[in-house]
């Protein structure tokens, strides 16, 4: 089997597990406080990154060395905040609607890369971004739907994840991926531990198994994604990740009786197409810059 094939298999496994993780998150988010769920999830994630960093080249001490301690820590806080918003979004906006809107995150990355990283966005990517944002409006359907907090939640989560991605891009020039993963897990766990315990509730015996499954999914999904990045560049992995939207829609309809409307389908197609184009265009420009 070629390295490229291995990369796609690992990416596919990661996406499938991420989708299962979203379904479990939706189930738990409807029953328990989102901050409590995120607390348990990040404690497990922190344990995973500690073990992963300790087993990496240079060990835990080597992984902890960073040129950007503040920015790395902020990344962890941003990610845990995004996850809390996602859990709230799944509860109030629904799994399918939230995931459809969240696909706009790559477009927000393109927008924010201009003021935050000083990148230049040409007319092609700018057009794709505008089209993608129009797709988000089609998904939300503000003419017929009441634009309330439920719709703001996934939009806010997508925006915060975009800022997290920008910060990740900024630190990647000096720090290794293992270092970034370590600080994300530890800083996020510390941040949620300052608030999460106040929302601790009694959990049904059967739901502890569901929580364990959530933690397992969170660990395996990140592990397989790391393996995928070891064989494939980000531009080739990104298209595979959009399969998660399809899987989440299936889970939402079958598992939670959510209704998928025509505007959600049309808007999602536009957003995904715009996101794929921006990723493809950025990879082309990166290759051209190297030559």
Protein backbone atom coordinates (compact mmCIF):
# COMPACT_ATOMS: atom_id res chain seq x y z
CA UNK A 1 0.00 0.00 0.00
CA UNK A 2 1.34 3.44 -0.94
CA UNK A 3 1.86 6.23 1.57
CA UNK A 4 -0.87 8.24 -0.15
CA UNK A 5 -3.37 5.41 0.29
CA UNK A 6 -2.45 5.07 3.95
CA UNK A 7 -2.95 8.80 4.39
CA UNK A 8 -6.43 8.71 2.90
CA UNK A 9 -7.40 5.68 4.99
CA UNK A 10 -6.28 7.41 8.18
CA UNK A 11 -8.09 10.61 7.16
CA UNK A 12 -11.26 8.64 6.43
CA UNK A 13 -11.06 6.88 9.79
CA UNK A 14 -10.57 10.22 11.55
CA UNK A 15 -13.57 11.75 9.79
CA UNK A 16 -15.84 8.80 10.58
CA UNK A 17 -14.84 8.89 14.24
CA UNK A 18 -15.29 12.68 14.37
CA UNK A 19 -18.84 12.18 13.05
CA UNK A 20 -19.54 9.55 15.72
CA UNK A 21 -18.10 11.94 18.29
CA UNK A 22 -20.51 14.65 17.13
CA UNK A 23 -23.46 12.29 17.46
CA UNK A 24 -22.42 11.34 20.98
CA UNK A 25 -21.88 15.01 21.84
CA UNK A 26 -25.39 15.82 20.62
CA UNK A 27 -26.84 13.00 22.74
CA UNK A 28 -25.00 14.12 25.88
CA UNK A 29 -25.51 17.83 25.19
CA UNK A 30 -29.27 17.35 25.29
CA UNK A 31 -28.98 15.79 28.77
CA UNK A 32 -26.06 17.42 30.58
CA UNK A 33 -24.44 20.89 30.84
CA UNK A 34 -22.14 21.56 27.85
CA UNK A 35 -19.37 22.81 30.16
CA UNK A 36 -19.44 19.53 32.08
CA UNK A 37 -19.24 17.46 28.88
CA UNK A 38 -16.36 19.57 27.59
CA UNK A 39 -14.57 19.22 30.93
CA UNK A 40 -14.59 15.40 30.77
CA UNK A 41 -13.67 15.43 27.09
CA UNK A 42 -10.68 17.73 27.58
CA UNK A 43 -9.39 15.85 30.60
CA UNK A 44 -9.23 12.76 28.39
CA UNK A 45 -7.68 14.78 25.56
CA UNK A 46 -5.03 16.19 27.89
CA UNK A 47 -4.12 12.67 29.05
CA UNK A 48 -3.80 11.62 25.41
CA UNK A 49 -1.51 14.51 24.41
CA UNK A 50 0.70 13.96 27.46
CA UNK A 51 1.20 10.30 26.52
CA UNK A 52 1.66 11.18 22.85
CA UNK A 53 4.21 13.92 23.60
CA UNK A 54 6.11 11.71 26.06
CA UNK A 55 6.48 9.00 23.42
CA UNK A 56 7.58 11.41 20.70
CA UNK A 57 11.16 12.21 19.73
CA UNK A 58 12.64 14.41 22.44
CA UNK A 59 10.06 13.32 24.97
CA UNK A 60 7.82 15.55 27.05
CA UNK A 61 10.57 18.05 27.78
CA UNK A 62 11.33 18.48 24.10
CA UNK A 63 7.66 18.88 23.18
CA UNK A 64 7.19 21.54 25.87
CA UNK A 65 9.82 23.82 24.28
CA UNK A 66 8.10 26.60 22.35
CA UNK A 67 8.93 29.94 20.81
CA UNK A 68 5.36 31.13 21.36
CA UNK A 69 4.25 30.16 24.90
CA UNK A 70 1.50 32.80 25.10
CA UNK A 71 0.07 32.16 21.65
CA UNK A 72 0.21 28.39 22.17
CA UNK A 73 -1.73 28.74 25.42
CA UNK A 74 -4.29 31.01 23.76
CA UNK A 75 -4.83 28.33 21.12
CA UNK A 76 -5.89 25.88 23.82
CA UNK A 77 -8.34 28.39 25.30
CA UNK A 78 -9.77 29.14 21.86
CA UNK A 79 -10.30 25.47 21.05
CA UNK A 80 -12.02 24.64 24.33
CA UNK A 81 -14.25 27.72 23.91
CA UNK A 82 -15.16 26.60 20.39
CA UNK A 83 -16.07 23.12 21.63
CA UNK A 84 -18.32 24.53 24.36
CA UNK A 85 -20.12 26.65 21.74
CA UNK A 86 -20.46 23.62 19.47
CA UNK A 87 -22.13 21.58 22.24
CA UNK A 88 -24.56 24.44 22.87
CA UNK A 89 -25.15 24.73 19.11
CA UNK A 90 -25.95 21.02 18.80
CA UNK A 91 -28.51 21.39 21.59
CA UNK A 92 -30.29 24.52 20.35
CA UNK A 93 -29.66 24.69 16.59
CA UNK A 94 -29.45 20.97 15.88
CA UNK A 95 -26.59 18.78 14.69
CA UNK A 96 -27.24 19.10 10.95
CA UNK A 97 -27.80 22.87 10.95
CA UNK A 98 -24.76 23.50 13.17
CA UNK A 99 -22.46 21.37 11.03
CA UNK A 100 -23.73 22.99 7.83
CA UNK A 101 -22.94 26.46 9.15
CA UNK A 102 -19.64 25.34 10.67
CA UNK A 103 -18.35 24.41 7.20
CA UNK A 104 -17.81 28.15 6.69
CA UNK A 105 -14.79 28.04 9.02
CA UNK A 106 -12.22 27.79 6.14
CA UNK A 107 -13.80 30.87 4.59
CA UNK A 108 -13.40 32.79 7.84
CA UNK A 109 -9.75 31.66 7.91
CA UNK A 110 -9.26 33.24 4.49
CA UNK A 111 -10.90 36.47 5.63
CA UNK A 112 -8.95 36.71 8.89
CA UNK A 113 -5.61 35.82 7.28
CA UNK A 114 -5.58 39.30 5.72
CA UNK A 115 -5.57 41.43 8.92
CA UNK A 116 -3.94 38.86 11.22
CA UNK A 117 -1.25 37.37 8.97
CA UNK A 118 -0.93 40.07 6.35
CA UNK A 119 -1.76 37.68 3.53
CA UNK A 120 -3.08 38.91 0.20
CA UNK A 121 -6.35 37.41 -1.03
CA UNK A 122 -6.89 37.61 -4.78
CA UNK A 123 -10.18 38.12 -6.54
CA UNK A 124 -10.74 34.39 -7.07
CA UNK A 125 -10.59 33.51 -3.38
CA UNK A 126 -12.48 36.69 -2.48
CA UNK A 127 -15.27 35.67 -4.84
CA UNK A 128 -15.33 32.17 -3.32
CA UNK A 129 -15.58 33.66 0.16
CA UNK A 130 -18.50 35.90 -0.82
CA UNK A 131 -20.25 32.93 -2.45
CA UNK A 132 -19.64 30.82 0.65
CA UNK A 133 -21.07 33.47 2.95
CA UNK A 134 -24.13 33.69 0.73
CA UNK A 135 -24.37 29.91 1.12
CA UNK A 136 -24.43 30.36 4.90
CA UNK A 137 -27.29 32.83 4.53
CA UNK A 138 -29.17 30.30 2.41
CA UNK A 139 -28.66 27.65 5.11
CA UNK A 140 -29.93 29.96 7.84
CA UNK A 141 -32.77 31.23 5.61
CA UNK A 142 -33.27 34.52 7.52
CA UNK A 143 -36.40 35.36 5.51
CA UNK A 144 -38.43 32.49 6.96
CA UNK A 145 -36.43 31.53 10.06
CA UNK A 146 -36.10 33.47 13.28
CA UNK A 147 -32.46 34.52 13.52
CA UNK A 148 -31.80 34.04 17.21
CA UNK A 149 -29.09 32.76 19.54
CA UNK A 150 -29.44 29.27 18.09
CA UNK A 151 -28.02 30.47 14.76
CA UNK A 152 -25.37 32.67 16.35
CA UNK A 153 -23.85 29.74 18.23
CA UNK A 154 -22.51 27.74 15.24
CA UNK A 155 -21.43 30.98 13.53
CA UNK A 156 -19.50 32.02 16.64
CA UNK A 157 -17.97 28.55 16.90
CA UNK A 158 -16.84 28.69 13.26
CA UNK A 159 -15.32 32.13 13.77
CA UNK A 160 -13.42 31.09 16.92
CA UNK A 161 -12.18 27.93 15.20
CA UNK A 162 -10.95 30.12 12.33
CA UNK A 163 -8.98 32.28 14.79
CA UNK A 164 -7.61 29.09 16.34
CA UNK A 165 -6.53 27.91 12.87
CA UNK A 166 -4.86 31.26 12.16
CA UNK A 167 -2.97 31.00 15.46
CA UNK A 168 -1.97 27.43 14.60
CA UNK A 169 -0.62 28.61 11.26
CA UNK A 170 1.35 31.36 13.02
CA UNK A 171 3.06 29.05 15.55
CA UNK A 172 3.74 26.28 13.01
CA UNK A 173 6.69 28.21 11.58
CA UNK A 174 8.68 27.78 14.79
CA UNK A 175 7.06 24.97 16.79
CA UNK A 176 6.49 21.32 15.91
CA UNK A 177 3.05 19.75 15.55
CA UNK A 178 3.66 17.76 18.75
CA UNK A 179 4.35 20.97 20.67
CA UNK A 180 1.18 22.58 19.35
CA UNK A 181 -0.87 19.50 20.23
CA UNK A 182 0.57 19.39 23.74
CA UNK A 183 -0.19 23.03 24.52
CA UNK A 184 -3.66 22.77 22.99
CA UNK A 185 -4.59 19.87 25.26
CA UNK A 186 -3.01 21.15 28.46
CA UNK A 187 -4.02 24.82 28.15
CA UNK A 188 -7.54 23.83 27.15
CA UNK A 189 -7.86 21.41 30.06
CA UNK A 190 -6.63 24.02 32.53
CA UNK A 191 -9.04 26.63 31.16
CA UNK A 192 -12.12 24.41 31.31
CA UNK A 193 -11.10 23.12 34.76
CA UNK A 194 -11.53 26.65 36.11
CA UNK A 195 -15.22 26.65 35.16
CA UNK A 196 -16.36 23.11 34.37
CA UNK A 197 -16.39 21.68 37.93
CA UNK A 198 -19.11 24.19 38.89
CA UNK A 199 -21.38 22.45 36.38
CA UNK A 200 -20.66 18.94 37.61
CA UNK A 201 -23.87 16.90 37.73
CA UNK A 202 -24.89 13.36 38.54
CA UNK A 203 -24.58 11.11 35.52
CA UNK A 204 -26.76 8.10 34.84
CA UNK A 205 -24.82 4.84 35.06
CA UNK A 206 -25.40 4.00 31.39
CA UNK A 207 -24.27 7.48 30.30
CA UNK A 208 -20.84 7.00 31.87
CA UNK A 209 -20.27 4.46 29.11
CA UNK A 210 -21.37 7.08 26.57
CA UNK A 211 -18.97 9.60 28.12
CA UNK A 212 -16.20 7.01 27.90
CA UNK A 213 -17.06 6.48 24.23
CA UNK A 214 -16.87 10.25 23.69
CA UNK A 215 -13.40 10.39 25.23
CA UNK A 216 -12.29 7.38 23.19
CA UNK A 217 -13.57 8.96 19.99
CA UNK A 218 -11.81 12.22 20.81
CA UNK A 219 -8.53 10.39 21.32
CA UNK A 220 -8.73 8.12 18.28
CA UNK A 221 -9.95 10.82 15.90
CA UNK A 222 -7.02 13.10 16.70
CA UNK A 223 -4.59 10.19 16.57
CA UNK A 224 -5.71 9.08 13.10
CA UNK A 225 -5.70 12.69 11.89
CA UNK A 226 -2.11 13.07 13.07
CA UNK A 227 -1.21 9.90 11.19
CA UNK A 228 -2.97 11.22 8.08
CA UNK A 229 -0.98 14.45 8.17
CA UNK A 230 2.16 12.35 8.29
CA UNK A 231 1.37 11.00 4.81
CA UNK A 232 -0.66 13.75 3.12
CA UNK A 233 -0.54 17.57 2.91
CA UNK A 234 -3.43 19.54 4.39
CA UNK A 235 -4.79 20.44 0.93
CA UNK A 236 -5.40 16.75 0.17
CA UNK A 237 -6.93 15.99 3.57
CA UNK A 238 -9.37 18.91 3.59
CA UNK A 239 -11.71 17.50 0.89
CA UNK A 240 -12.05 14.26 2.88
CA UNK A 241 -13.13 16.16 5.98
CA UNK A 242 -16.26 17.42 4.21
CA UNK A 243 -17.55 13.85 4.34
CA UNK A 244 -18.16 14.57 8.01
CA UNK A 245 -21.03 16.88 7.04
CA UNK A 246 -22.73 14.07 5.12
CA UNK A 247 -22.27 11.62 7.99
CA UNK A 248 -23.54 14.17 10.52
CA UNK A 249 -26.66 14.79 8.45
CA UNK A 250 -27.36 11.04 8.39
CA UNK A 251 -26.84 10.83 12.16
CA UNK A 252 -29.05 13.89 12.72
CA UNK A 253 -31.92 12.48 10.65
CA UNK A 254 -31.72 8.86 11.80
CA UNK A 255 -30.66 9.38 15.41
CA UNK A 256 -32.35 12.66 16.37
CA UNK A 257 -35.24 13.02 13.90
CA UNK A 258 -33.95 16.34 12.59
CA UNK A 259 -35.51 17.69 9.40
CA UNK A 260 -33.23 18.59 6.48
CA UNK A 261 -34.67 21.36 4.31
CA UNK A 262 -33.90 22.24 0.70
CA UNK A 263 -32.19 25.50 1.64
CA UNK A 264 -29.85 23.60 3.99
CA UNK A 265 -28.82 21.25 1.17
CA UNK A 266 -28.32 24.01 -1.42
CA UNK A 267 -26.49 26.28 1.05
CA UNK A 268 -24.24 23.45 2.23
CA UNK A 269 -23.25 22.59 -1.34
CA UNK A 270 -22.30 26.24 -1.97
CA UNK A 271 -20.34 26.54 1.28
CA UNK A 272 -18.45 23.27 0.73
CA UNK A 273 -17.68 24.16 -2.89
CA UNK A 274 -16.38 27.58 -1.84
CA UNK A 275 -14.29 26.03 0.93
CA UNK A 276 -12.80 23.43 -1.41
CA UNK A 277 -11.91 26.12 -3.93
CA UNK A 278 -10.17 28.31 -1.33
CA UNK A 279 -8.15 25.34 -0.04
CA UNK A 280 -7.21 24.32 -3.60
CA UNK A 281 -6.27 27.89 -4.51
CA UNK A 282 -4.14 28.33 -1.38
CA UNK A 283 -2.27 25.08 -2.13
CA UNK A 284 -1.62 26.26 -5.70
CA UNK A 285 -0.28 29.59 -4.47
CA UNK A 286 1.91 27.85 -1.87
CA UNK A 287 3.43 25.61 -4.58
CA UNK A 288 4.01 28.63 -6.84
CA UNK A 289 5.75 30.50 -3.99
CA UNK A 290 8.18 27.61 -3.48
CA UNK A 291 9.16 27.69 -7.13
